[in-house]
């Protein structure tokens, strides 16, 4: 029985198959994991650079407000009743801002 299993093994041909299989796995990881993360990071960076005074924003922590001032790496967010809080630009969440805009359109 072991002899018949050893006879079925293909010497030499298995190496090419293994290399093709490993290449396919690497391609799947790239197209389904690495590339989307790079695109999301690029979009987030573009969003933060284009944000301007008066835009409504939501921070990563969930704080909602309107952008009152923009400095170098910080944003002053105006919240309810005139409260002003200073945040880092990187703490603004692009996805939450889109969700907030969607809720406003649904309410109108």
Protein backbone atom coordinates (compact mmCIF):
# COMPACT_ATOMS: atom_id res chain seq x y z
CA UNK A 1 0.00 0.00 0.00
CA UNK A 2 2.76 2.47 0.86
CA UNK A 3 4.53 1.45 -2.34
CA UNK A 4 1.46 2.39 -4.42
CA UNK A 5 1.24 5.80 -2.68
CA UNK A 6 4.90 6.49 -3.43
CA UNK A 7 4.39 5.54 -7.06
CA UNK A 8 1.58 8.10 -7.38
CA UNK A 9 3.83 10.96 -6.26
CA UNK A 10 5.16 12.95 -9.19
CA UNK A 11 8.77 13.95 -8.73
CA UNK A 12 9.63 17.36 -10.25
CA UNK A 13 6.08 18.32 -11.29
CA UNK A 14 5.05 19.05 -7.70
CA UNK A 15 7.56 21.89 -7.33
CA UNK A 16 6.01 23.92 -10.16
CA UNK A 17 2.53 23.38 -8.75
CA UNK A 18 3.65 24.48 -5.31
CA UNK A 19 5.23 27.67 -6.70
CA UNK A 20 2.08 28.50 -8.67
CA UNK A 21 -0.05 27.87 -5.58
CA UNK A 22 2.14 30.11 -3.41
CA UNK A 23 2.04 32.83 -6.08
CA UNK A 24 -1.75 32.61 -6.18
CA UNK A 25 -1.96 32.93 -2.38
CA UNK A 26 0.28 36.02 -2.44
CA UNK A 27 -1.85 37.58 -5.20
CA UNK A 28 -5.05 36.95 -3.23
CA UNK A 29 -3.56 38.55 -0.10
CA UNK A 30 -2.46 41.57 -2.11
CA UNK A 31 -5.75 42.18 -3.93
CA UNK A 32 -8.07 41.43 -1.00
CA UNK A 33 -6.12 42.76 1.98
CA UNK A 34 -3.16 45.02 1.25
CA UNK A 35 -4.46 47.02 -1.73
CA UNK A 36 -7.83 48.00 -0.15
CA UNK A 37 -6.07 49.15 3.03
CA UNK A 38 -3.67 51.30 1.01
CA UNK A 39 -6.58 52.82 -0.93
CA UNK A 40 -8.50 53.55 2.27
CA UNK A 41 -5.45 55.23 3.85
CA UNK A 42 -4.93 57.33 0.70
CA UNK A 43 -8.60 58.40 0.68
CA UNK A 44 -8.47 59.28 4.40
CA UNK A 45 -5.35 61.40 3.91
CA UNK A 46 -6.96 63.22 0.96
CA UNK A 47 -10.12 63.83 2.99
CA UNK A 48 -8.20 65.32 5.92
CA UNK A 49 -6.23 67.61 3.59
CA UNK A 50 -9.41 68.87 1.87
CA UNK A 51 -11.47 69.50 5.02
CA UNK A 52 -12.36 73.17 5.51
CA UNK A 53 -13.88 75.53 8.04
CA UNK A 54 -17.65 75.07 8.40
CA UNK A 55 -17.73 71.37 7.49
CA UNK A 56 -19.52 69.01 9.82
CA UNK A 57 -17.30 66.26 11.14
CA UNK A 58 -17.33 63.30 13.46
CA UNK A 59 -14.21 62.21 15.28
CA UNK A 60 -13.05 58.64 15.61
CA UNK A 61 -14.28 58.75 19.22
CA UNK A 62 -17.78 59.79 18.11
CA UNK A 63 -17.75 63.56 18.87
CA UNK A 64 -20.04 65.41 16.42
CA UNK A 65 -19.52 69.05 15.56
CA UNK A 66 -18.71 71.78 13.06
CA UNK A 67 -15.13 72.75 12.27
CA UNK A 68 -14.55 76.24 13.68
CA UNK A 69 -10.81 76.65 13.03
CA UNK A 70 -8.03 74.77 11.28
CA UNK A 71 -4.43 75.09 12.39
CA UNK A 72 -1.38 73.12 11.19
CA UNK A 73 -2.11 69.66 12.60
CA UNK A 74 -5.11 70.50 14.77
CA UNK A 75 -8.76 71.26 14.30
CA UNK A 76 -11.03 73.12 16.69
CA UNK A 77 -14.43 71.48 16.67
CA UNK A 78 -17.44 73.51 17.78
CA UNK A 79 -19.96 71.32 19.56
CA UNK A 80 -23.39 72.01 21.01
CA UNK A 81 -23.95 75.22 23.02
CA UNK A 82 -20.79 76.89 21.71
CA UNK A 83 -18.31 74.47 23.25
CA UNK A 84 -15.00 74.28 21.42
CA UNK A 85 -12.66 71.29 21.59
CA UNK A 86 -9.23 70.92 19.99
CA UNK A 87 -8.53 67.68 18.10
CA UNK A 88 -5.75 66.34 15.96
CA UNK A 89 -6.56 66.27 12.24
CA UNK A 90 -5.96 62.53 12.19
CA UNK A 91 -8.84 61.99 14.64
CA UNK A 92 -11.46 63.02 12.05
CA UNK A 93 -13.25 59.99 10.60
CA UNK A 94 -14.18 60.10 6.93
CA UNK A 95 -16.74 57.29 7.13
CA UNK A 96 -18.64 58.93 9.97
CA UNK A 97 -18.78 62.22 8.09
CA UNK A 98 -20.38 60.50 5.11
CA UNK A 99 -22.87 58.79 7.45
CA UNK A 100 -23.72 62.13 9.04
CA UNK A 101 -24.36 63.67 5.61
CA UNK A 102 -26.59 60.72 4.73
CA UNK A 103 -28.67 61.22 7.87
CA UNK A 104 -29.13 64.92 7.10
CA UNK A 105 -30.38 64.13 3.59
CA UNK A 106 -32.79 61.53 4.93
CA UNK A 107 -34.20 64.05 7.42
CA UNK A 108 -34.89 66.65 4.71
